[in-house]
Amino acid sequence: MRRYEKYKSSGVEWLGEIPEHWEVKRVKDLTSIISKGTTPSTEGESLTDFGVRFIKAENIKENGIVSDEPSFFISEETNKLLSRSRLKDKDLLLVIAGATTGKIAVINEYQLPANTNQAVCFIRLKKTEVIDGFKYKYYFINSSYFQSLIWLYSLSSAQPNLPMAVLGRMSVYFPPFSEQTTIANYLDAKTSAIDRKIELLTAKTAKYNALRRSLINETVCRGLNPNAPLKDSGIEWIGKIPAHWEVKRFKEIARTVKGKNLDLSDTYFDKSLPNLSLDFLRNDSITFDTFCYTTDKNQRVTTNDMIIIWDGAGVGEILKGKDGFLSSTIAKIVVDNKKYDKNFLYHLRFSIEYVLKMIPAGMGIPHLNPQVLNSFDCPCPPLIEQLEIAQYLDNQTSQIDTILSNISNQIGKLTQLRKTLINDVVTGKIKVTED
């Protein structure tokens, strides 16, 4: 990779050096408008089933695309009321509030009319900046350098929030327009090649996940002997099972222990353990700093336990336990080990989750429907056969998981390469030429 022949001080301490012929400008020097939307309810309005596209933070995707999923709409009348935030072709949409702060996308003419809410800022470049280097500005705002500034200046209370006045004062490296075009064309080609590789690997991931589920579903319903005589289970999702198997309801083989609201502490104290949150259970990299204690032994969880989400968006999801105490939104599954193997039950989790998520209880926040769970029909081989099936699936899925982990690592490296390439080019560390 070539570097520019001469560099100079940017004049801003934390920016360091830039190529000698480049300038440094503020975001507001390049724009005609920096603004954000509002929630329709502030005008006494609400979302509708159809009408004008209404863009929220979740519609801004990593690849710079404004996604239709999930879809939100407002009426034509509401769009007129929210005239300040009516979007135009080539507006840059930047998430400025919440966990996805910093994500950026471009709204295109075919997606109009459209409006947005207060979590999304729209940056409308001056006409000259759109004509002569629009894509360069997109790449610059998406660079690691600029993204780090966004997070540095985001005012964090419960949620990150970037004030628009601060955004307007943030610095942009500014090469000559012809060079901006060259840089953008170079990055278009390079990032497209990387994106194609990531898409292929992502497709492989989907295929291996499908293979994993198919293997599990086939084995927990048919067993390991392909020549075993079959009978109708009487249960639609199970279909036929080996003739010597039974079908039992969940409540015949297991019970649940619901978590309680416990007194929490931000620091460790004697005998305390983590209060098990969903983030902590789902992610091995989460550092836990909320502790609790109870004398109720039923609330204790170990790595040998299974957890089921009782309340919230993930209702019905089954996870492996960690050392700690139950939180109020989860429950522990206690299996009768004289009747059923808990590892065999764990391999049944996808079918259980599917049914429970289809029929939640309560209004508003979803809650697990205990009647549905207790009535769930489970294929029930003899216990020794359950152990053999669980061991077989552990071995087979472990091999698939190794492949998936390798693919994930490759995707991670390509994603990091993409970020590094964009950052090094738009900050002048790498010289790009038309040849």
Protein backbone atom coordinates (compact mmCIF):
# COMPACT_ATOMS: atom_id res chain seq x y z
CA MET A 1 0.00 0.00 0.00
CA ARG A 2 1.37 3.41 -1.00
CA ARG A 3 1.42 6.48 1.20
CA TYR A 4 1.24 10.12 0.17
CA GLU A 5 4.57 11.86 -0.35
CA LYS A 6 4.03 14.64 2.17
CA TYR A 7 1.88 15.05 5.26
CA LYS A 8 1.03 18.04 7.45
CA SER A 9 -0.51 18.64 10.84
CA SER A 10 -4.28 18.73 10.69
CA GLY A 11 -4.31 21.53 13.25
CA VAL A 12 -6.48 19.40 15.51
CA GLU A 13 -4.56 17.48 18.17
CA TRP A 14 -6.42 14.18 18.02
CA LEU A 15 -6.62 14.13 14.21
CA GLY A 16 -2.88 13.81 13.71
CA GLU A 17 -1.38 14.30 10.26
CA ILE A 18 -3.18 14.41 6.93
CA PRO A 19 -1.88 14.50 3.34
CA GLU A 20 -0.39 17.93 2.62
CA HIS A 21 -2.98 18.94 0.01
CA TRP A 22 -6.03 17.84 2.08
CA GLU A 23 -8.16 20.13 4.24
CA VAL A 24 -10.14 19.64 7.44
CA LYS A 25 -13.75 20.85 7.47
CA ARG A 26 -16.64 20.59 9.90
CA VAL A 27 -19.70 18.52 9.07
CA LYS A 28 -21.86 21.65 9.13
CA ASP A 29 -19.61 23.27 6.50
CA LEU A 30 -20.64 20.55 4.05
CA THR A 31 -24.37 20.48 4.78
CA SER A 32 -27.49 22.51 4.19
CA ILE A 33 -29.45 20.78 6.97
CA ILE A 34 -28.63 18.63 9.98
CA SER A 35 -31.86 17.69 11.72
CA LYS A 36 -33.87 14.81 13.13
CA GLY A 37 -37.43 13.60 13.22
CA THR A 38 -39.94 13.23 16.00
CA THR A 39 -42.43 10.70 17.29
CA PRO A 40 -45.91 11.04 15.69
CA SER A 41 -47.50 10.91 19.14
CA THR A 42 -46.00 14.33 19.94
CA GLU A 43 -48.42 15.71 17.36
CA GLY A 44 -51.28 13.57 18.63
CA GLU A 45 -50.84 11.13 15.74
CA SER A 46 -49.92 7.45 15.52
CA LEU A 47 -48.40 4.91 13.15
CA THR A 48 -50.64 3.43 10.46
CA ASP A 49 -50.80 0.15 8.52
CA PHE A 50 -49.85 1.84 5.26
CA GLY A 51 -48.99 5.27 3.87
CA VAL A 52 -45.71 7.20 4.07
CA ARG A 53 -42.61 5.19 5.03
CA PHE A 54 -41.51 6.02 8.61
CA ILE A 55 -37.89 5.15 9.31
CA LYS A 56 -36.66 4.12 12.74
CA ALA A 57 -33.19 3.16 13.98
CA GLU A 58 -33.88 -0.54 13.37
CA ASN A 59 -34.31 0.18 9.64
CA ILE A 60 -30.71 1.43 9.33
CA LYS A 61 -28.55 -1.57 8.45
CA GLU A 62 -24.80 -2.24 8.55
CA ASN A 63 -24.51 -2.30 4.75
CA GLY A 64 -25.75 1.29 4.36
CA ILE A 65 -29.21 0.21 3.25
CA VAL A 66 -32.52 1.53 4.56
CA SER A 67 -34.42 -1.71 5.13
CA ASP A 68 -38.17 -2.26 4.77
CA GLU A 69 -38.07 -4.70 7.68
CA PRO A 70 -39.64 -3.95 10.03
CA SER A 71 -42.09 -1.70 8.21
CA PHE A 72 -43.55 1.46 9.78
CA PHE A 73 -45.92 3.99 8.20
CA ILE A 74 -47.58 7.30 8.92
CA SER A 75 -50.49 8.96 7.13
CA GLU A 76 -50.11 11.69 4.50
CA GLU A 77 -51.58 14.15 7.01
CA THR A 78 -49.02 13.23 9.67
CA ASN A 79 -46.24 13.54 7.12
CA LYS A 80 -47.38 17.11 6.42
CA LEU A 81 -47.43 17.89 10.14
CA LEU A 82 -43.89 16.53 10.46
CA SER A 83 -42.67 18.64 7.55
CA ARG A 84 -39.29 19.40 9.16
CA SER A 85 -38.20 15.77 8.88
CA ARG A 86 -39.52 14.90 5.44
CA LEU A 87 -36.61 13.17 3.74
CA LYS A 88 -35.08 13.78 0.32
CA ASP A 89 -33.06 11.72 -2.13
CA LYS A 90 -29.45 11.15 -0.96
CA ASP A 91 -30.05 12.21 2.64
CA LEU A 92 -27.55 10.47 4.92
CA LEU A 93 -29.40 8.85 7.81
CA LEU A 94 -27.38 8.50 11.00
CA VAL A 95 -28.60 6.76 14.16
CA ILE A 96 -27.90 9.16 17.03
CA ALA A 97 -29.62 7.41 19.95
CA GLY A 98 -29.63 3.92 21.41
CA ALA A 99 -27.49 0.82 21.11
CA THR A 100 -27.01 1.17 17.32
CA THR A 101 -25.75 4.77 17.49
CA GLY A 102 -23.42 5.47 14.56
CA LYS A 103 -25.07 3.26 11.95
CA ILE A 104 -25.46 5.14 8.69
CA ALA A 105 -27.47 4.58 5.51
CA VAL A 106 -28.55 6.44 2.38
CA ILE A 107 -32.17 7.10 1.49
CA ASN A 108 -32.80 6.84 -2.26
CA GLU A 109 -35.48 8.41 -4.43
CA TYR A 110 -37.40 5.17 -4.95
CA GLN A 111 -37.90 4.93 -1.15
CA LEU A 112 -39.63 8.31 -0.93
CA PRO A 113 -41.83 9.75 0.43
CA ALA A 114 -40.37 9.03 3.84
CA ASN A 115 -40.04 10.54 7.29
CA THR A 116 -38.12 9.61 10.43
CA ASN A 117 -38.12 9.78 14.22
CA GLN A 118 -35.96 11.40 16.88
CA ALA A 119 -33.41 8.54 17.03
CA VAL A 120 -32.37 9.15 13.42
CA CYS A 121 -30.58 12.29 12.24
CA PHE A 122 -30.63 13.21 8.57
CA ILE A 123 -27.62 14.94 7.06
CA ARG A 124 -28.48 16.81 3.87
CA LEU A 125 -25.32 17.73 1.98
CA LYS A 126 -24.97 20.89 -0.09
CA LYS A 127 -25.60 20.30 -3.80
CA THR A 128 -21.92 20.65 -4.68
CA GLU A 129 -21.01 18.02 -2.06
CA VAL A 130 -23.60 15.61 -3.47
CA ILE A 131 -22.46 16.07 -7.04
CA ASP A 132 -18.72 15.94 -6.35
CA GLY A 133 -18.06 13.42 -3.62
CA PHE A 134 -21.27 12.21 -2.03
CA LYS A 135 -20.08 8.63 -1.56
CA TYR A 136 -16.79 9.76 -0.02
CA LYS A 137 -18.70 11.53 2.78
CA TYR A 138 -20.71 8.36 3.40
CA TYR A 139 -17.53 6.33 3.71
CA PHE A 140 -15.91 8.92 5.96
CA ILE A 141 -18.82 8.99 8.41
CA ASN A 142 -18.73 5.18 8.39
CA SER A 143 -14.97 5.10 9.14
CA SER A 144 -13.64 3.79 12.47
CA TYR A 145 -12.19 7.24 13.15
CA PHE A 146 -15.51 9.07 12.80
CA GLN A 147 -17.48 6.32 14.52
CA SER A 148 -15.15 6.54 17.53
CA LEU A 149 -15.84 10.28 17.71
CA ILE A 150 -19.58 9.64 17.60
CA TRP A 151 -19.35 7.34 20.59
CA LEU A 152 -16.91 9.65 22.38
CA TYR A 153 -19.30 12.59 22.13
CA SER A 154 -22.54 10.68 22.68
CA LEU A 155 -24.07 11.82 25.94
CA SER A 156 -24.68 8.64 27.86
CA SER A 157 -27.30 8.33 30.53
CA ALA A 158 -29.39 5.20 30.14
CA GLN A 159 -28.85 5.32 26.36
CA PRO A 160 -26.15 6.88 24.14
CA ASN A 161 -27.31 10.10 22.48
CA LEU A 162 -25.37 12.32 20.08
CA PRO A 163 -26.43 16.02 20.07
CA MET A 164 -26.75 17.39 16.54
CA ALA A 165 -24.83 20.55 17.46
CA VAL A 166 -21.86 18.35 18.40
CA LEU A 167 -22.21 16.36 15.19
CA GLY A 168 -22.10 19.60 13.18
CA ARG A 169 -18.77 20.58 14.77
CA MET A 170 -17.08 17.21 14.15
CA SER A 171 -14.20 17.24 11.68
CA VAL A 172 -14.07 15.66 8.22
CA TYR A 173 -10.91 15.07 6.18
CA PHE A 174 -11.46 16.84 2.87
CA PRO A 175 -9.41 15.85 -0.21
CA PRO A 176 -9.96 17.60 -3.57
CA PHE A 177 -13.26 16.56 -5.18
CA SER A 178 -11.56 14.53 -7.93
CA GLU A 179 -9.69 12.55 -5.28
CA GLN A 180 -12.88 12.02 -3.29
CA THR A 181 -14.40 10.37 -6.36
CA THR A 182 -11.32 8.18 -6.88
CA ILE A 183 -11.37 7.10 -3.23
CA ALA A 184 -15.10 6.32 -3.33
CA ASN A 185 -14.75 4.26 -6.53
CA TYR A 186 -11.84 2.33 -5.03
CA LEU A 187 -13.76 1.60 -1.83
CA ASP A 188 -16.88 0.62 -3.80
CA ALA A 189 -14.86 -2.03 -5.64
CA LYS A 190 -12.95 -3.32 -2.62
CA THR A 191 -15.86 -3.38 -0.17
CA SER A 192 -18.13 -5.02 -2.78
CA ALA A 193 -15.60 -7.84 -3.15
CA ILE A 194 -15.42 -8.25 0.63
CA ASP A 195 -19.22 -8.11 0.93
CA ARG A 196 -19.59 -10.88 -1.67
CA LYS A 197 -17.29 -13.12 0.36
CA ILE A 198 -19.24 -12.35 3.53
CA GLU A 199 -22.53 -13.12 1.74
CA LEU A 200 -21.19 -16.53 0.62
CA LEU A 201 -20.01 -17.33 4.13
CA THR A 202 -23.32 -16.15 5.59
CA ALA A 203 -25.16 -18.45 3.17
CA LYS A 204 -22.93 -21.32 4.34
CA THR A 205 -23.82 -20.48 7.92
CA ALA A 206 -27.53 -20.70 7.09
CA LYS A 207 -27.06 -24.09 5.41
CA TYR A 208 -25.13 -25.56 8.34
CA ASN A 209 -27.68 -24.21 10.83
CA ALA A 210 -30.46 -25.78 8.76
CA LEU A 211 -28.51 -29.06 8.64
CA ARG A 212 -28.06 -28.90 12.42
CA ARG A 213 -31.76 -28.40 13.08
CA SER A 214 -32.78 -31.06 10.57
CA LEU A 215 -30.39 -33.57 12.14
CA ILE A 216 -31.75 -32.84 15.62
CA ASN A 217 -35.43 -32.94 14.61
CA GLU A 218 -35.01 -36.19 12.67
CA THR A 219 -33.05 -37.92 15.43
CA VAL A 220 -35.25 -36.93 18.40
CA CYS A 221 -38.32 -38.14 16.51
CA ARG A 222 -36.95 -41.23 14.72
CA GLY A 223 -34.02 -42.40 16.85
CA LEU A 224 -30.74 -43.91 15.69
CA ASN A 225 -32.05 -47.13 14.10
CA PRO A 226 -33.22 -46.39 10.53
CA ASN A 227 -34.82 -49.86 10.32
CA ALA A 228 -36.94 -49.55 13.47
CA PRO A 229 -40.67 -50.17 12.85
CA LEU A 230 -42.70 -46.94 13.15
CA LYS A 231 -46.12 -45.97 14.44
CA ASP A 232 -48.20 -42.80 14.22
CA SER A 233 -47.50 -40.64 17.27
CA GLY A 234 -50.85 -38.88 16.96
CA ILE A 235 -48.99 -35.55 17.20
CA GLU A 236 -48.79 -33.51 14.00
CA TRP A 237 -45.33 -31.98 14.52
CA ILE A 238 -43.80 -35.31 15.59
CA GLY A 239 -45.31 -37.55 12.91
CA LYS A 240 -44.22 -41.17 13.08
CA ILE A 241 -42.00 -42.47 15.90
CA PRO A 242 -40.41 -45.88 16.60
CA ALA A 243 -43.10 -48.36 17.67
CA HIS A 244 -41.59 -48.90 21.14
CA TRP A 245 -41.51 -45.16 21.99
CA GLU A 246 -44.14 -43.25 23.94
CA VAL A 247 -45.34 -39.63 23.90
CA LYS A 248 -45.52 -37.78 27.22
CA ARG A 249 -46.58 -34.28 28.14
CA PHE A 250 -43.95 -31.89 29.45
CA LYS A 251 -45.53 -31.83 32.93
CA GLU A 252 -45.03 -35.60 33.21
CA ILE A 253 -41.26 -35.33 32.78
CA ALA A 254 -40.31 -31.89 34.10
CA ARG A 255 -41.42 -28.84 36.08
CA THR A 256 -40.39 -25.17 36.16
CA VAL A 257 -39.16 -22.93 38.97
CA LYS A 258 -39.93 -19.26 38.31
CA GLY A 259 -37.40 -16.59 39.26
CA LYS A 260 -38.13 -13.94 41.90
CA ASN A 261 -37.38 -10.25 42.37
CA LEU A 262 -34.26 -10.27 44.55
CA ASP A 263 -32.37 -7.39 46.17
CA LEU A 264 -29.52 -6.50 43.81
CA SER A 265 -26.08 -5.03 44.41
CA ASP A 266 -23.56 -3.49 42.00
CA THR A 267 -20.72 -5.04 43.99
CA TYR A 268 -19.93 -8.55 45.16
CA PHE A 269 -20.80 -9.39 48.77
CA ASP A 270 -20.40 -12.54 50.86
CA LYS A 271 -22.14 -15.58 49.30
CA SER A 272 -23.55 -13.48 46.46
CA LEU A 273 -23.75 -14.72 42.86
CA PRO A 274 -24.74 -13.11 39.53
CA ASN A 275 -28.41 -12.31 38.99
CA LEU A 276 -28.86 -14.09 35.66
CA SER A 277 -29.85 -11.65 32.93
CA LEU A 278 -30.55 -12.69 29.34
CA ASP A 279 -27.44 -10.89 28.02
CA PHE A 280 -25.30 -12.78 30.51
CA LEU A 281 -26.88 -16.15 29.66
CA ARG A 282 -26.67 -15.62 25.90
CA ASN A 283 -23.20 -14.12 25.66
CA ASP A 284 -20.00 -15.54 27.15
CA SER A 285 -18.18 -12.23 26.67
CA ILE A 286 -20.53 -10.23 28.93
CA THR A 287 -18.92 -9.15 32.22
CA PHE A 288 -21.46 -9.40 34.99
CA ASP A 289 -21.66 -6.84 37.77
CA THR A 290 -25.09 -7.29 39.38
CA PHE A 291 -25.10 -9.62 42.36
CA CYS A 292 -27.72 -11.08 44.68
CA TYR A 293 -28.32 -13.78 47.28
CA THR A 294 -31.22 -15.83 48.60
CA THR A 295 -31.49 -18.76 50.97
CA ASP A 296 -34.06 -20.35 48.62
CA LYS A 297 -32.06 -23.20 47.08
CA ASN A 298 -34.62 -23.55 44.29
CA GLN A 299 -33.46 -20.17 42.92
CA ARG A 300 -29.87 -21.40 42.54
CA VAL A 301 -28.69 -22.17 38.99
CA THR A 302 -25.61 -24.08 37.80
CA THR A 303 -24.09 -24.87 34.41
CA ASN A 304 -25.95 -28.20 34.49
CA ASP A 305 -29.35 -26.50 34.47
CA MET A 306 -31.65 -25.41 31.65
CA ILE A 307 -33.27 -21.98 31.65
CA ILE A 308 -36.45 -20.91 29.86
CA ILE A 309 -37.36 -17.28 29.22
CA TRP A 310 -40.68 -16.52 30.91
CA ASP A 311 -41.25 -12.86 30.04
CA GLY A 312 -40.27 -10.54 27.20
CA ALA A 313 -39.43 -10.70 23.50
CA GLY A 314 -37.51 -13.99 23.79
CA VAL A 315 -40.35 -15.82 25.56
CA GLY A 316 -40.00 -19.60 25.30
CA GLU A 317 -36.30 -19.57 24.39
CA ILE A 318 -34.36 -22.31 26.20
CA LEU A 319 -30.75 -21.68 27.25
CA LYS A 320 -28.05 -23.47 29.18
CA GLY A 321 -27.62 -22.17 32.70
CA LYS A 322 -24.68 -20.41 34.34
CA ASP A 323 -23.70 -20.12 37.99
CA GLY A 324 -26.01 -17.64 39.66
CA PHE A 325 -29.56 -16.99 40.84
CA LEU A 326 -32.71 -16.81 38.74
CA SER A 327 -33.86 -13.36 37.69
CA SER A 328 -37.58 -12.53 37.67
CA THR A 329 -38.04 -12.95 33.89
CA ILE A 330 -36.72 -16.51 33.61
CA ALA A 331 -37.40 -19.97 35.05
CA LYS A 332 -35.37 -23.11 35.65
CA ILE A 333 -36.44 -26.39 34.08
CA VAL A 334 -36.16 -29.26 36.57
CA VAL A 335 -36.21 -32.62 34.78
CA ASP A 336 -37.26 -35.88 36.44
CA ASN A 337 -34.07 -37.79 35.63
CA LYS A 338 -35.75 -41.13 36.33
CA LYS A 339 -38.04 -40.55 33.34
CA TYR A 340 -36.18 -38.24 31.02
CA ASP A 341 -32.66 -37.18 30.12
CA LYS A 342 -32.20 -33.41 30.33
CA ASN A 343 -29.73 -33.40 27.42
CA PHE A 344 -32.32 -35.16 25.26
CA LEU A 345 -34.86 -32.52 26.33
CA TYR A 346 -32.36 -29.78 25.48
CA HIS A 347 -32.16 -31.10 21.92
CA LEU A 348 -35.96 -30.81 21.76
CA ARG A 349 -35.77 -27.10 22.57
CA PHE A 350 -36.29 -25.76 19.03
CA SER A 351 -39.68 -27.46 18.77
CA ILE A 352 -40.69 -26.33 22.27
CA GLU A 353 -39.56 -22.75 21.57
CA TYR A 354 -41.50 -22.62 18.30
CA VAL A 355 -44.78 -23.65 19.93
CA LEU A 356 -44.38 -21.34 22.94
CA LYS A 357 -43.54 -18.30 20.83
CA MET A 358 -46.61 -18.89 18.68
CA ILE A 359 -48.95 -18.86 21.69
CA PRO A 360 -47.73 -16.35 24.32
CA ALA A 361 -49.95 -15.22 27.19
CA GLY A 362 -50.89 -11.70 28.29
CA MET A 363 -51.18 -8.35 26.57
CA GLY A 364 -48.26 -6.01 25.84
CA ILE A 365 -45.09 -7.71 27.07
CA PRO A 366 -45.27 -11.41 26.04
CA HIS A 367 -45.37 -13.97 28.83
CA LEU A 368 -44.86 -17.72 28.63
CA ASN A 369 -48.11 -19.66 28.57
CA PRO A 370 -47.59 -22.36 31.25
CA GLN A 371 -50.60 -24.38 30.07
CA VAL A 372 -49.11 -24.67 26.60
CA LEU A 373 -45.71 -25.64 28.02
CA ASN A 374 -47.13 -28.26 30.40
CA SER A 375 -49.28 -29.76 27.64
CA PHE A 376 -46.42 -29.91 25.13
CA ASP A 377 -46.07 -33.45 23.74
CA CYS A 378 -42.53 -34.84 23.92
CA PRO A 379 -41.33 -38.00 22.16
CA CYS A 380 -40.23 -40.39 24.89
CA PRO A 381 -37.85 -43.25 24.03
CA PRO A 382 -36.64 -45.61 26.77
CA LEU A 383 -34.21 -43.74 29.04
CA ILE A 384 -31.13 -45.63 27.87
CA GLU A 385 -32.01 -44.76 24.27
CA GLN A 386 -32.46 -41.10 25.22
CA LEU A 387 -28.91 -41.10 26.61
CA GLU A 388 -27.55 -42.68 23.41
CA ILE A 389 -29.40 -40.19 21.19
CA ALA A 390 -28.27 -37.22 23.29
CA GLN A 391 -24.64 -38.39 23.13
CA TYR A 392 -24.85 -38.90 19.37
CA LEU A 393 -26.34 -35.44 18.84
CA ASP A 394 -23.77 -33.86 21.16
CA ASN A 395 -20.99 -35.34 19.01
CA GLN A 396 -22.58 -34.49 15.66
CA THR A 397 -23.63 -30.94 16.58
CA SER A 398 -20.21 -30.31 18.10
CA GLN A 399 -18.63 -30.97 14.70
CA ILE A 400 -21.12 -28.65 13.00
CA ASP A 401 -20.55 -26.01 15.69
CA THR A 402 -16.79 -26.15 15.01
CA ILE A 403 -17.44 -25.49 11.32
CA LEU A 404 -19.82 -22.65 12.19
CA SER A 405 -17.26 -21.14 14.55
CA ASN A 406 -14.62 -21.19 11.82
CA ILE A 407 -17.01 -19.52 9.37
CA SER A 408 -17.89 -16.90 12.01
CA ASN A 409 -14.19 -16.17 12.54
CA GLN A 410 -13.71 -15.70 8.79
CA ILE A 411 -16.67 -13.32 8.64
CA GLY A 412 -15.25 -11.42 11.62
CA LYS A 413 -11.86 -11.04 9.96
CA LEU A 414 -13.41 -9.86 6.69
CA THR A 415 -15.62 -7.38 8.54
CA GLN A 416 -12.61 -5.99 10.37
CA LEU A 417 -10.62 -5.84 7.12
CA ARG A 418 -13.47 -3.82 5.57
CA LYS A 419 -13.48 -1.35 8.47
CA THR A 420 -9.70 -1.00 8.48
CA LEU A 421 -9.57 -0.46 4.71
CA ILE A 422 -12.23 2.28 4.78
CA ASN A 423 -10.58 4.01 7.72
CA ASP A 424 -7.05 3.94 6.30
CA VAL A 425 -8.14 5.25 2.90
CA VAL A 426 -10.41 8.10 4.04
CA THR A 427 -7.89 9.29 6.65
CA GLY A 428 -5.05 9.39 4.12
CA LYS A 429 -2.95 6.56 5.53
CA ILE A 430 -3.21 4.80 2.17
CA LYS A 431 -2.89 6.60 -1.18
CA VAL A 432 -5.43 5.66 -3.82
CA THR A 433 -4.88 6.42 -7.50
CA GLU A 434 -7.06 5.85 -10.55
CA ASP A 435 -4.70 3.25 -11.98
